[in-house]
N, C-alpha and C. Protein backbone atom coordinates (compact mmCIF):
# COMPACT_ATOMS: atom_id res chain seq x y z
N MET A 1 29.01 11.50 4.49
CA MET A 1 27.77 12.11 4.66
C MET A 1 27.58 13.36 5.02
N PHE A 2 26.78 14.10 4.74
CA PHE A 2 26.66 15.25 4.90
C PHE A 2 25.92 15.83 6.20
N ALA A 3 26.70 16.94 7.08
CA ALA A 3 25.69 17.18 8.26
C ALA A 3 24.53 17.51 8.00
N LEU A 4 23.82 17.60 9.02
CA LEU A 4 22.18 18.15 8.69
C LEU A 4 22.33 19.68 9.63
N PRO A 5 21.61 20.71 8.69
CA PRO A 5 21.64 21.80 8.93
C PRO A 5 20.90 21.84 10.53
N ILE A 6 21.17 22.95 11.39
CA ILE A 6 20.93 23.16 12.60
C ILE A 6 19.29 22.61 12.87
N ASN A 7 18.15 23.32 12.00
CA ASN A 7 16.92 23.19 11.98
C ASN A 7 16.47 22.10 11.44
N ALA A 8 17.55 20.92 10.69
CA ALA A 8 16.84 19.73 10.13
C ALA A 8 16.75 18.79 10.78
N GLU A 9 15.79 17.77 10.21
CA GLU A 9 15.80 16.65 11.21
C GLU A 9 16.40 15.72 10.00
N GLU A 10 16.11 14.26 10.33
CA GLU A 10 16.57 13.21 9.73
C GLU A 10 15.55 12.98 8.62
N ARG A 11 15.88 12.52 7.34
CA ARG A 11 14.76 12.77 6.38
C ARG A 11 14.04 11.11 6.75
N PRO A 12 12.78 11.22 6.77
CA PRO A 12 11.87 9.65 7.03
C PRO A 12 11.66 9.19 5.38
N GLN A 13 11.16 8.14 5.21
CA GLN A 13 11.13 7.56 4.32
C GLN A 13 9.65 6.44 4.30
N GLY A 14 9.37 6.78 3.06
CA GLY A 14 7.98 5.92 3.05
C GLY A 14 6.50 6.31 3.93
N LEU A 15 5.93 5.44 4.44
CA LEU A 15 4.58 5.50 5.18
C LEU A 15 4.87 6.20 6.39
N MET A 16 4.38 7.44 6.97
CA MET A 16 4.36 7.78 8.03
C MET A 16 3.55 7.59 9.42
N TRP A 17 2.26 7.42 8.56
CA TRP A 17 0.86 7.21 9.10
C TRP A 17 -0.32 6.74 8.38
N ASN A 18 -1.07 6.02 8.99
CA ASN A 18 -2.38 5.70 8.31
C ASN A 18 -3.44 5.88 9.48
N ARG A 19 -4.31 6.99 9.83
CA ARG A 19 -5.33 7.15 10.79
C ARG A 19 -6.59 7.05 9.88
N SER A 20 -6.60 6.23 9.03
CA SER A 20 -8.29 6.15 8.12
C SER A 20 -9.10 5.05 8.90
N GLY A 21 -8.34 4.38 9.19
CA GLY A 21 -8.94 3.10 10.41
C GLY A 21 -9.40 1.70 8.94
N LEU A 22 -8.60 2.26 8.01
CA LEU A 22 -8.55 0.82 7.32
C LEU A 22 -7.31 0.88 6.66
N PRO A 23 -7.18 -0.62 6.23
CA PRO A 23 -5.93 -1.33 5.81
C PRO A 23 -5.20 -0.77 4.48
N ALA A 24 -4.17 -0.35 4.33
CA ALA A 24 -3.64 0.36 3.04
C ALA A 24 -3.20 -0.94 2.48
N THR A 25 -4.12 -0.97 0.92
CA THR A 25 -3.86 -2.06 0.21
C THR A 25 -3.59 -1.95 -0.95
N LEU A 26 -3.74 -0.32 -1.58
CA LEU A 26 -4.16 -0.26 -3.00
C LEU A 26 -2.93 0.65 -3.28
N PRO A 27 -2.43 0.70 -4.35
CA PRO A 27 -1.41 1.01 -5.09
C PRO A 27 -1.45 2.63 -5.37
N LEU A 28 -0.11 3.37 -4.91
CA LEU A 28 0.29 4.39 -5.36
C LEU A 28 1.57 4.71 -5.70
N LEU A 29 2.01 4.90 -7.04
CA LEU A 29 3.28 5.00 -7.23
C LEU A 29 3.61 6.55 -7.30
N ILE A 30 5.01 7.24 -7.03
CA ILE A 30 5.17 8.44 -7.18
C ILE A 30 6.23 8.83 -8.02
N LYS A 31 6.69 8.90 -9.07
CA LYS A 31 8.07 9.61 -9.47
C LYS A 31 8.33 10.96 -9.47
N THR A 32 9.71 11.34 -9.12
CA THR A 32 9.87 12.42 -8.81
C THR A 32 11.26 12.72 -9.12
N SER A 33 11.79 13.99 -9.30
CA SER A 33 13.27 14.10 -9.54
C SER A 33 13.86 14.29 -8.29
N ALA A 34 15.30 14.64 -8.36
CA ALA A 34 15.86 14.32 -7.34
C ALA A 34 16.22 15.72 -6.76
N ASP A 35 15.81 17.04 -7.02
CA ASP A 35 15.75 18.33 -6.55
C ASP A 35 15.10 18.59 -5.57
N ALA A 36 14.05 17.91 -4.90
CA ALA A 36 13.17 18.15 -3.78
C ALA A 36 12.75 16.63 -2.98
N ASP A 37 12.28 16.72 -2.07
CA ASP A 37 11.63 15.55 -1.38
C ASP A 37 10.13 16.25 -1.25
N TYR A 38 9.50 15.20 -1.17
CA TYR A 38 7.79 15.55 -0.75
C TYR A 38 7.15 14.81 0.53
N PHE A 39 6.40 15.61 0.91
CA PHE A 39 5.41 15.00 2.39
C PHE A 39 4.02 15.17 1.88
N LEU A 40 3.75 14.00 1.39
CA LEU A 40 1.97 13.79 0.98
C LEU A 40 1.11 13.72 1.86
N ASN A 41 -0.14 14.10 1.92
CA ASN A 41 -1.31 13.95 2.65
C ASN A 41 -2.10 13.69 1.98
N LEU A 42 -2.87 12.70 2.35
CA LEU A 42 -4.37 12.10 1.69
C LEU A 42 -5.46 12.65 2.68
N LYS A 43 -6.18 13.40 1.88
CA LYS A 43 -7.50 13.99 2.59
C LYS A 43 -8.62 13.44 2.28
N ASP A 44 -9.57 12.80 3.01
CA ASP A 44 -10.55 12.21 2.84
C ASP A 44 -11.58 13.07 2.07
N VAL A 45 -12.32 12.91 1.18
CA VAL A 45 -13.03 13.72 0.54
C VAL A 45 -14.34 13.93 1.00
N GLY A 46 -14.94 13.10 1.96
CA GLY A 46 -16.22 12.93 2.63
C GLY A 46 -16.14 13.63 3.88
N SER A 47 -15.03 13.23 4.64
CA SER A 47 -14.69 13.97 6.06
C SER A 47 -13.92 15.16 6.09
N ASP A 48 -13.04 15.48 4.95
CA ASP A 48 -12.16 16.57 4.95
C ASP A 48 -10.91 16.37 5.91
N GLN A 49 -10.94 15.42 6.43
CA GLN A 49 -9.93 14.99 7.31
C GLN A 49 -8.54 14.48 6.94
N VAL A 50 -7.34 14.94 7.25
CA VAL A 50 -6.34 14.13 6.52
C VAL A 50 -6.05 12.78 7.36
N VAL A 51 -6.01 11.65 6.64
CA VAL A 51 -6.17 10.51 7.20
C VAL A 51 -4.88 9.60 6.78
N PHE A 52 -3.92 10.11 5.99
CA PHE A 52 -2.48 9.13 5.40
C PHE A 52 -1.44 10.07 5.36
N ALA A 53 -0.28 9.62 5.76
CA ALA A 53 0.84 10.73 5.42
C ALA A 53 1.93 9.67 4.94
N ALA A 54 2.44 10.47 4.09
CA ALA A 54 3.87 9.52 3.78
C ALA A 54 4.99 10.36 3.13
N TYR A 55 6.10 10.05 3.33
CA TYR A 55 7.20 10.84 2.79
C TYR A 55 7.92 10.19 1.40
N VAL A 56 8.01 11.02 0.41
CA VAL A 56 8.57 10.62 -0.60
C VAL A 56 10.11 11.36 -0.86
N ARG A 57 11.26 10.67 -1.07
CA ARG A 57 12.38 10.91 -1.30
C ARG A 57 12.37 11.61 -2.46
N GLY A 58 13.17 12.37 -2.82
CA GLY A 58 13.23 12.88 -4.47
C GLY A 58 14.20 12.19 -5.18
N GLY A 59 13.67 11.83 -6.52
CA GLY A 59 15.02 10.70 -7.26
C GLY A 59 14.52 9.64 -6.76
N GLU A 60 14.07 8.84 -5.98
CA GLU A 60 13.67 7.77 -5.64
C GLU A 60 12.41 7.14 -6.12
N PHE A 61 12.72 5.91 -6.53
CA PHE A 61 11.17 5.37 -7.18
C PHE A 61 10.63 5.39 -5.79
N PHE A 62 9.04 5.20 -5.61
CA PHE A 62 8.40 5.41 -4.41
C PHE A 62 6.87 4.60 -4.85
N GLN A 63 6.60 3.56 -3.64
CA GLN A 63 5.64 3.17 -4.01
C GLN A 63 5.14 2.61 -2.58
N VAL A 64 3.74 3.18 -2.48
CA VAL A 64 2.95 2.85 -1.13
C VAL A 64 1.61 2.16 -1.26
N LEU A 65 1.29 1.58 -0.22
CA LEU A 65 -0.14 1.24 -0.07
C LEU A 65 -1.18 2.23 0.67
N VAL A 66 -2.22 2.24 0.01
CA VAL A 66 -2.80 3.57 0.72
C VAL A 66 -4.49 2.84 0.96
N PRO A 67 -5.07 3.35 1.70
CA PRO A 67 -6.26 2.55 2.25
C PRO A 67 -7.51 2.80 1.11
N PRO A 68 -8.65 2.36 0.87
CA PRO A 68 -9.56 2.47 -0.06
C PRO A 68 -10.29 3.96 0.54
N GLY A 69 -10.83 4.47 -0.42
CA GLY A 69 -11.60 5.80 -0.68
C GLY A 69 -10.88 6.97 -1.45
N GLN A 70 -11.83 7.73 -1.62
CA GLN A 70 -11.63 9.24 -2.37
C GLN A 70 -10.81 10.14 -1.91
N PHE A 71 -9.53 10.67 -2.34
CA PHE A 71 -8.68 11.63 -1.42
C PHE A 71 -8.31 13.00 -2.63
N VAL A 72 -8.37 13.88 -1.52
CA VAL A 72 -7.63 15.07 -2.18
C VAL A 72 -6.12 14.69 -1.83
N LEU A 73 -4.75 14.47 -2.55
CA LEU A 73 -3.93 14.72 -2.37
C LEU A 73 -3.07 15.77 -2.43
N VAL A 74 -2.62 16.13 -1.00
CA VAL A 74 -1.57 17.64 -1.07
C VAL A 74 -0.31 17.14 -0.83
N PHE A 75 0.46 17.98 -1.45
CA PHE A 75 1.74 17.64 -1.42
C PHE A 75 2.60 19.09 -0.90
N ALA A 76 3.63 18.86 0.09
CA ALA A 76 4.56 19.93 0.39
C ALA A 76 5.83 19.33 0.00
N SER A 77 6.59 20.17 -0.63
CA SER A 77 8.14 19.80 -0.93
C SER A 77 9.07 20.98 -0.53
N GLY A 78 10.22 20.29 -0.65
CA GLY A 78 11.47 21.16 -0.49
C GLY A 78 12.73 20.26 -0.29
N GLU A 79 13.79 21.00 0.35
CA GLU A 79 15.11 20.22 0.41
C GLU A 79 15.56 20.01 1.74
N GLU A 80 15.11 20.42 2.81
CA GLU A 80 15.59 20.59 4.30
C GLU A 80 14.31 20.34 5.15
N TRP A 81 14.12 18.60 5.59
CA TRP A 81 12.83 18.82 6.14
C TRP A 81 13.43 18.93 7.70
N GLN A 82 12.21 19.41 8.55
CA GLN A 82 11.95 20.14 9.40
C GLN A 82 11.14 19.60 10.33
N GLY A 83 10.40 18.54 10.28
CA GLY A 83 9.44 17.79 10.57
C GLY A 83 8.18 18.27 10.32
N GLU A 84 6.97 17.52 10.71
CA GLU A 84 5.51 17.79 10.65
C GLU A 84 5.07 18.97 10.52
N ALA A 85 5.49 19.72 11.78
CA ALA A 85 5.00 20.91 12.19
C ALA A 85 5.76 22.06 11.15
N ARG A 86 6.97 21.87 10.68
CA ARG A 86 7.62 23.03 10.04
C ARG A 86 7.68 22.53 8.53
N LEU A 87 7.55 21.27 8.41
CA LEU A 87 7.82 20.75 7.01
C LEU A 87 9.16 20.96 6.53
N PHE A 88 9.31 21.68 5.41
CA PHE A 88 10.56 22.20 4.56
C PHE A 88 10.93 23.68 5.21
N GLY A 89 10.27 24.14 6.27
CA GLY A 89 10.75 25.58 6.61
C GLY A 89 9.91 26.44 5.54
N VAL A 90 10.47 27.55 5.55
CA VAL A 90 10.26 29.00 4.73
C VAL A 90 10.19 28.68 3.29
N THR A 91 11.01 27.30 2.95
CA THR A 91 11.11 27.32 1.60
C THR A 91 10.10 26.45 1.19
N THR A 92 9.23 25.66 1.93
CA THR A 92 8.20 24.80 1.68
C THR A 92 7.21 25.31 0.62
N HIS A 93 6.93 24.65 -0.43
CA HIS A 93 6.20 24.48 -1.51
C HIS A 93 5.25 23.81 -1.47
N MET A 94 3.91 24.34 -1.23
CA MET A 94 2.68 23.40 -1.14
C MET A 94 1.87 23.33 -2.34
N PHE A 95 1.14 22.45 -2.71
CA PHE A 95 0.27 22.35 -4.11
C PHE A 95 -0.74 21.10 -3.84
N THR A 96 -1.76 21.11 -4.68
CA THR A 96 -2.63 20.45 -4.44
C THR A 96 -3.01 19.75 -5.66
N LEU A 97 -3.22 18.17 -6.08
CA LEU A 97 -3.59 17.68 -7.21
C LEU A 97 -5.11 18.38 -7.88
N ASP A 98 -5.41 18.96 -8.73
CA ASP A 98 -6.77 19.59 -9.24
C ASP A 98 -7.65 18.53 -8.93
N GLN A 99 -7.78 17.22 -9.19
CA GLN A 99 -9.07 16.25 -8.82
C GLN A 99 -8.62 15.44 -7.82
N PRO A 100 -9.76 14.88 -7.03
CA PRO A 100 -9.28 14.09 -6.20
C PRO A 100 -9.31 12.84 -6.81
N LEU A 101 -8.82 11.64 -6.09
CA LEU A 101 -8.15 10.42 -6.72
C LEU A 101 -9.04 9.23 -5.96
N ARG A 102 -9.49 8.48 -6.76
CA ARG A 102 -10.04 7.24 -6.04
C ARG A 102 -9.43 5.89 -6.05
N PHE A 103 -9.41 5.36 -4.64
CA PHE A 103 -8.65 4.02 -4.72
C PHE A 103 -9.56 3.20 -4.43
N ARG A 104 -9.51 2.02 -4.82
CA ARG A 104 -10.65 0.99 -4.62
C ARG A 104 -10.26 -0.46 -5.30
N ALA A 105 -11.00 -1.49 -4.27
CA ALA A 105 -10.74 -2.88 -5.08
C ALA A 105 -12.00 -3.78 -5.70
N THR A 106 -11.75 -4.32 -6.28
CA THR A 106 -12.80 -5.30 -6.49
C THR A 106 -12.62 -6.80 -6.41
N MET A 107 -13.32 -7.92 -6.55
CA MET A 107 -12.54 -9.15 -6.51
C MET A 107 -11.38 -9.64 -7.04
N SER A 108 -10.87 -8.96 -8.11
CA SER A 108 -10.25 -9.55 -8.95
C SER A 108 -9.09 -8.24 -9.10
N GLN A 109 -9.24 -7.08 -8.58
CA GLN A 109 -8.33 -6.09 -9.24
C GLN A 109 -8.38 -5.18 -8.00
N ARG A 110 -6.97 -4.27 -7.98
CA ARG A 110 -6.62 -3.26 -6.90
C ARG A 110 -6.30 -2.06 -7.68
N ARG A 111 -7.32 -1.01 -7.51
CA ARG A 111 -7.20 0.11 -8.29
C ARG A 111 -6.35 1.29 -7.72
N GLY A 112 -5.48 1.72 -8.43
CA GLY A 112 -4.75 2.80 -7.76
C GLY A 112 -4.30 3.88 -8.81
N HIS A 113 -3.32 4.40 -8.28
CA HIS A 113 -2.84 5.67 -9.34
C HIS A 113 -1.00 5.55 -9.41
N MET A 114 -0.42 6.36 -10.83
CA MET A 114 0.64 6.47 -10.72
C MET A 114 0.68 7.80 -11.12
N ILE A 115 1.70 8.83 -10.34
CA ILE A 115 1.87 10.26 -10.31
C ILE A 115 3.19 10.58 -10.36
N ASP A 116 3.29 11.12 -12.00
CA ASP A 116 4.73 12.02 -12.15
C ASP A 116 4.87 12.99 -12.16
N LEU A 117 5.75 13.71 -11.29
CA LEU A 117 5.79 14.97 -10.62
C LEU A 117 7.12 15.62 -11.51
N THR A 118 7.50 14.92 -12.24
CA THR A 118 9.03 15.02 -12.81
C THR A 118 8.76 16.04 -14.26
N LYS A 119 7.90 16.50 -14.69
CA LYS A 119 7.43 17.07 -15.70
C LYS A 119 7.51 18.42 -15.45
N SER A 120 8.00 19.22 -16.46
CA SER A 120 8.15 20.80 -16.23
C SER A 120 6.58 21.40 -16.39
N SER A 121 6.29 20.15 -17.36
CA SER A 121 4.71 20.97 -18.13
C SER A 121 3.64 20.71 -17.23
N GLY A 122 3.99 19.90 -16.18
CA GLY A 122 2.63 19.55 -14.96
C GLY A 122 2.89 18.01 -14.67
N THR A 123 2.05 17.86 -13.67
CA THR A 123 1.88 16.79 -13.22
C THR A 123 0.77 15.90 -14.20
N THR A 124 1.45 14.41 -14.21
CA THR A 124 0.75 13.47 -14.90
C THR A 124 0.38 12.34 -14.15
N ILE A 125 -1.20 11.95 -14.17
CA ILE A 125 -1.36 11.19 -13.58
C ILE A 125 -2.24 9.98 -14.11
N SER A 126 -1.68 8.67 -13.87
CA SER A 126 -2.17 7.44 -14.41
C SER A 126 -2.99 6.64 -13.93
N ASP A 127 -3.86 5.80 -14.41
CA ASP A 127 -4.61 4.69 -13.34
C ASP A 127 -3.50 3.63 -13.42
N LEU A 128 -3.64 3.02 -12.11
CA LEU A 128 -2.49 1.83 -12.23
C LEU A 128 -3.51 0.67 -11.34
N VAL A 129 -3.43 -0.35 -12.20
CA VAL A 129 -4.29 -1.51 -12.32
C VAL A 129 -3.68 -2.67 -11.65
N LYS A 130 -3.69 -3.41 -10.43
CA LYS A 130 -3.17 -4.42 -10.41
C LYS A 130 -4.05 -5.55 -10.46
N CYS A 131 -4.09 -6.46 -10.91
CA CYS A 131 -4.80 -7.76 -11.26
C CYS A 131 -4.66 -8.76 -10.44
N GLN A 132 -5.42 -9.55 -9.64
CA GLN A 132 -4.84 -10.49 -8.77
C GLN A 132 -5.93 -12.01 -8.93
N ARG A 133 -5.28 -12.75 -8.33
CA ARG A 133 -6.06 -14.17 -8.43
C ARG A 133 -5.54 -15.04 -7.76
N LEU A 134 -6.42 -15.95 -7.11
CA LEU A 134 -5.71 -17.06 -6.36
C LEU A 134 -5.52 -18.15 -7.11
N ALA A 135 -4.49 -18.65 -6.84
CA ALA A 135 -4.00 -20.15 -7.42
C ALA A 135 -4.16 -20.81 -6.28
N LEU A 136 -4.46 -22.27 -6.82
CA LEU A 136 -4.55 -23.60 -5.76
C LEU A 136 -3.20 -23.67 -6.05
N ASP A 137 -2.72 -24.20 -4.62
CA ASP A 137 -1.17 -24.70 -4.33
C ASP A 137 -1.53 -26.12 -4.43
N PRO A 138 -1.19 -27.14 -5.62
CA PRO A 138 -1.58 -28.45 -5.74
C PRO A 138 -1.07 -29.21 -4.41
N GLU A 139 -0.20 -28.92 -3.86
CA GLU A 139 0.69 -29.67 -3.12
C GLU A 139 -0.18 -29.86 -1.74
N SER A 140 -0.90 -28.77 -1.52
CA SER A 140 -1.77 -28.67 -0.50
C SER A 140 -2.91 -29.49 -0.30
N LEU A 141 -3.22 -30.41 -1.83
CA LEU A 141 -4.25 -31.50 -1.72
C LEU A 141 -3.78 -32.62 -1.56
N ARG A 142 -2.70 -33.01 -1.26
CA ARG A 142 -2.22 -34.28 -0.98
C ARG A 142 -2.48 -34.83 0.62
N ALA A 143 -3.08 -36.34 0.24
CA ALA A 143 -3.82 -36.42 1.59
C ALA A 143 -2.81 -36.73 2.68
N GLY A 144 -3.38 -36.47 3.68
CA GLY A 144 -2.52 -36.44 5.18
C GLY A 144 -2.48 -37.75 5.85
N LYS A 145 -2.15 -37.70 6.79
CA LYS A 145 -2.00 -38.85 7.75
C LYS A 145 -3.61 -39.03 8.09
N GLY A 146 -3.77 -40.49 8.29
CA GLY A 146 -5.38 -40.58 9.19
C GLY A 146 -5.14 -40.43 10.55
N GLN A 147 -6.25 -40.00 11.12
CA GLN A 147 -6.25 -39.47 12.25
C GLN A 147 -7.14 -40.63 12.99
N PHE A 148 -7.38 -40.92 14.18
CA PHE A 148 -8.32 -41.88 14.60
C PHE A 148 -9.51 -41.39 15.32
N ASP A 149 -10.75 -41.89 15.09
CA ASP A 149 -11.89 -41.68 15.55
C ASP A 149 -12.16 -42.23 16.83
N PRO A 150 -12.39 -42.03 18.01
CA PRO A 150 -12.80 -43.17 19.02
C PRO A 150 -13.89 -43.82 19.18
N LEU A 151 -15.13 -42.79 18.27
CA LEU A 151 -16.43 -42.91 18.05
C LEU A 151 -16.66 -44.04 16.79
N LEU A 152 -15.60 -43.88 15.91
CA LEU A 152 -16.15 -44.99 14.84
C LEU A 152 -15.29 -46.21 15.00
N ARG A 153 -16.18 -47.16 15.03
CA ARG A 153 -15.75 -48.45 15.21
C ARG A 153 -15.99 -49.67 14.20
N ASP A 154 -14.95 -50.45 14.02
CA ASP A 154 -15.50 -51.47 13.03
C ASP A 154 -16.22 -52.54 13.92
N PRO A 155 -16.55 -53.68 12.96
CA PRO A 155 -17.46 -54.74 14.26
C PRO A 155 -16.42 -55.24 15.19
N SER A 156 -15.42 -55.51 14.73
CA SER A 156 -14.40 -56.18 16.07
C SER A 156 -14.02 -54.99 17.03
N GLY A 157 -14.76 -53.99 17.11
CA GLY A 157 -14.33 -53.06 17.95
C GLY A 157 -13.14 -52.13 18.00
N ALA A 158 -12.26 -52.29 16.99
CA ALA A 158 -11.16 -51.72 17.03
C ALA A 158 -11.79 -50.21 16.39
N PRO A 159 -10.78 -48.96 16.43
CA PRO A 159 -11.47 -47.75 15.97
C PRO A 159 -10.88 -47.61 14.70
N GLU A 160 -11.74 -47.27 13.84
CA GLU A 160 -11.27 -46.73 12.24
C GLU A 160 -10.89 -45.84 12.06
N ALA A 161 -9.55 -45.56 10.83
CA ALA A 161 -8.99 -44.59 10.55
C ALA A 161 -9.97 -43.32 10.31
N TRP A 162 -9.80 -42.41 10.25
CA TRP A 162 -10.38 -40.98 10.29
C TRP A 162 -9.88 -40.31 9.41
N PRO A 163 -10.09 -40.40 7.79
CA PRO A 163 -8.84 -39.81 7.00
C PRO A 163 -8.85 -38.26 7.23
N GLU A 164 -7.65 -37.74 7.44
CA GLU A 164 -7.54 -36.20 7.55
C GLU A 164 -7.85 -35.54 6.37
N MET A 165 -8.67 -34.46 6.18
CA MET A 165 -9.18 -33.94 4.87
C MET A 165 -8.21 -32.53 4.75
N PRO A 166 -7.31 -33.18 3.65
CA PRO A 166 -6.35 -31.84 3.28
C PRO A 166 -7.13 -30.50 3.13
N ALA A 167 -6.69 -29.39 3.82
CA ALA A 167 -7.28 -28.14 3.75
C ALA A 167 -6.20 -27.49 2.50
N PRO A 168 -7.20 -26.58 1.29
CA PRO A 168 -6.49 -26.35 0.27
C PRO A 168 -5.68 -25.02 0.76
N ARG A 169 -4.57 -24.64 0.07
CA ARG A 169 -3.90 -23.67 0.49
C ARG A 169 -4.13 -22.91 -1.08
N TYR A 170 -4.10 -21.55 -1.10
CA TYR A 170 -4.43 -20.73 -2.28
C TYR A 170 -3.05 -19.45 -2.21
N ASP A 171 -2.22 -19.49 -3.27
CA ASP A 171 -1.45 -18.02 -3.40
C ASP A 171 -2.19 -17.12 -4.06
N VAL A 172 -1.96 -16.00 -3.79
CA VAL A 172 -2.42 -14.60 -4.37
C VAL A 172 -1.32 -14.27 -5.75
N GLU A 173 -1.46 -14.15 -6.84
CA GLU A 173 -0.96 -14.06 -7.56
C GLU A 173 -1.16 -12.58 -8.26
N THR A 174 -0.37 -11.67 -8.54
CA THR A 174 -0.69 -9.99 -8.58
C THR A 174 0.20 -9.66 -9.87
N TRP A 175 -0.37 -8.90 -10.79
CA TRP A 175 0.30 -8.30 -11.94
C TRP A 175 -0.20 -7.08 -12.07
N THR A 176 0.63 -6.32 -13.03
CA THR A 176 -0.01 -5.19 -13.52
C THR A 176 -0.93 -5.34 -14.64
N CYS A 177 -1.94 -4.93 -14.58
CA CYS A 177 -3.04 -5.34 -15.76
C CYS A 177 -2.81 -4.08 -16.85
N LEU A 178 -2.83 -4.89 -18.24
CA LEU A 178 -2.62 -3.69 -19.34
C LEU A 178 -3.99 -3.17 -19.88
């Protein structure tokens, strides 16, 4: 293992913070080369506030869930992480994607994006749509044990069994839409 330079900090990985007030549920995939790491900020288009931060280790597959909204993506890249205040020091390279990206969900889809930063010809942005549906778990419908309700009585005065109604359970099935 290599020793860290004097001013360097240990490299974080993944989500650093979410200050949007919303749950992070929408997909963002980023493809990078191994020559640099990236610090990503999502700046909300409406408020112009940075609401989300993540650290992407160069060359590793990176996927993070982000909150819904429309964001400007601002990247800082470099080789020696020195913390959020100094980023990658004097060698920090800053860049912003040309267009804001919209992350949203519908009843059956979660819409995000895939960003490829590996091409020398420029950044490639693709839509990434995850379809989802609820699938009934048939085992959840099996009849349960009866419970006795003291208010229900048959003519002889004995309590009648009150059947327990099974509560259906659903699993969420998710796949990448074509």
